[in-house]
Amino acid sequence: MGIGDKFDALKDKAKEALGEHGDKADQGVDKAGDFVDGRTDGKYSEQIDKGQEKAKEGLNRFGQQ
């Protein structure tokens, strides 16, 4: 089994986990964004919110492939 095969297996496990626990991944993105927002005293709230949404969209697309 080469490195490419190992990567494919890992990718498949990640997709499966996102399919089963996508809500928890979304919660993690929210929690991380809220943490950063708090550490920056809300100075970048708009950008952080946009980043959270993009991250969730990317995770959802990856999990549905």
C-alpha atoms as a PDB file:
ATOM      1  CA  MET A   1       0.000   0.000   0.000  1.00  0.00           C
ATOM      2  CA  GLY A   2       1.580   3.250  -1.153  1.00  0.00           C
ATOM      3  CA  ILE A   3       1.210   6.697   0.323  1.00  0.00           C
ATOM      4  CA  GLY A   4      -1.512   7.555  -2.214  1.00  0.00           C
ATOM      5  CA  ASP A   5      -3.569   4.570  -1.102  1.00  0.00           C
ATOM      6  CA  LYS A   6      -3.147   5.548   2.535  1.00  0.00           C
ATOM      7  CA  PHE A   7      -4.232   9.093   1.738  1.00  0.00           C
ATOM      8  CA  ASP A   8      -7.304   7.820  -0.102  1.00  0.00           C
ATOM      9  CA  ALA A   9      -8.236   5.617   2.859  1.00  0.00           C
ATOM     10  CA  LEU A  10      -7.823   8.536   5.255  1.00  0.00           C
ATOM     11  CA  LYS A  11      -9.899  10.771   2.973  1.00  0.00           C
ATOM     12  CA  ASP A  12     -12.669   8.155   2.872  1.00  0.00           C
ATOM     13  CA  LYS A  13     -12.684   7.940   6.683  1.00  0.00           C
ATOM     14  CA  ALA A  14     -12.915  11.723   6.939  1.00  0.00           C
ATOM     15  CA  LYS A  15     -15.849  11.811   4.511  1.00  0.00           C
ATOM     16  CA  GLU A  16     -17.612   9.084   6.448  1.00  0.00           C
ATOM     17  CA  ALA A  17     -17.073  10.911   9.742  1.00  0.00           C
ATOM     18  CA  LEU A  18     -18.376  14.172   8.295  1.00  0.00           C
ATOM     19  CA  GLY A  19     -21.406  12.385   6.927  1.00  0.00           C
ATOM     20  CA  GLU A  20     -22.178  10.952  10.344  1.00  0.00           C
ATOM     21  CA  HIS A  21     -21.118  13.893  12.502  1.00  0.00           C
ATOM     22  CA  GLY A  22     -21.385  16.963  10.288  1.00  0.00           C
ATOM     23  CA  ASP A  23     -23.316  18.801  12.978  1.00  0.00           C
ATOM     24  CA  LYS A  24     -20.429  18.398  15.403  1.00  0.00           C
ATOM     25  CA  ALA A  25     -17.978  19.691  12.791  1.00  0.00           C
ATOM     26  CA  ASP A  26     -20.179  22.755  12.295  1.00  0.00           C
ATOM     27  CA  GLN A  27     -20.274  23.282  16.058  1.00  0.00           C
ATOM     28  CA  GLY A  28     -16.481  23.069  16.159  1.00  0.00           C
ATOM     29  CA  VAL A  29     -16.169  25.710  13.426  1.00  0.00           C
ATOM     30  CA  ASP A  30     -18.561  27.958  15.353  1.00  0.00           C
ATOM     31  CA  LYS A  31     -16.680  27.429  18.604  1.00  0.00           C
ATOM     32  CA  ALA A  32     -13.306  28.172  17.003  1.00  0.00           C
ATOM     33  CA  GLY A  33     -14.660  31.297  15.304  1.00  0.00           C
ATOM     34  CA  ASP A  34     -16.233  32.528  18.525  1.00  0.00           C
ATOM     35  CA  PHE A  35     -12.945  31.963  20.351  1.00  0.00           C
ATOM     36  CA  VAL A  36     -11.009  34.010  17.789  1.00  0.00           C
ATOM     37  CA  ASP A  37     -13.699  36.695  17.809  1.00  0.00           C
ATOM     38  CA  GLY A  38     -13.399  36.950  21.573  1.00  0.00           C
ATOM     39  CA  ARG A  39      -9.612  37.137  21.459  1.00  0.00           C
ATOM     40  CA  THR A  40      -9.775  40.003  18.941  1.00  0.00           C
ATOM     41  CA  ASP A  41     -12.479  41.819  20.965  1.00  0.00           C
ATOM     42  CA  GLY A  42     -14.912  41.568  18.060  1.00  0.00           C
ATOM     43  CA  LYS A  43     -12.694  43.693  15.813  1.00  0.00           C
ATOM     44  CA  TYR A  44     -12.957  41.179  12.940  1.00  0.00           C
ATOM     45  CA  SER A  45     -16.434  39.754  13.615  1.00  0.00           C
ATOM     46  CA  GLU A  46     -17.675  40.192  10.066  1.00  0.00           C
ATOM     47  CA  GLN A  47     -14.635  38.502   8.534  1.00  0.00           C
ATOM     48  CA  ILE A  48     -14.744  35.691  11.092  1.00  0.00           C
ATOM     49  CA  ASP A  49     -18.438  35.076  10.397  1.00  0.00           C
ATOM     50  CA  LYS A  50     -17.740  34.872   6.670  1.00  0.00           C
ATOM     51  CA  GLY A  51     -14.858  32.482   7.327  1.00  0.00           C
ATOM     52  CA  GLN A  52     -17.050  30.286   9.488  1.00  0.00           C
ATOM     53  CA  GLU A  53     -19.676  30.041   6.766  1.00  0.00           C
ATOM     54  CA  LYS A  54     -17.087  29.231   4.083  1.00  0.00           C
ATOM     55  CA  ALA A  55     -15.520  26.568   6.308  1.00  0.00           C
ATOM     56  CA  LYS A  56     -18.916  24.966   6.953  1.00  0.00           C
ATOM     57  CA  GLU A  57     -19.770  25.021   3.250  1.00  0.00           C
ATOM     58  CA  GLY A  58     -16.440  23.375   2.415  1.00  0.00           C
ATOM     59  CA  LEU A  59     -16.866  20.691   5.068  1.00  0.00           C
ATOM     60  CA  ASN A  60     -20.409  19.978   3.905  1.00  0.00           C
ATOM     61  CA  ARG A  61     -19.333  19.697   0.269  1.00  0.00           C
ATOM     62  CA  PHE A  62     -16.451  17.401   1.228  1.00  0.00           C
ATOM     63  CA  GLY A  63     -18.734  15.189   3.305  1.00  0.00           C
ATOM     64  CA  GLN A  64     -21.225  14.838   0.436  1.00  0.00           C
ATOM     65  CA  GLN A  65     -18.695  13.774  -2.208  1.00  0.00           C
END
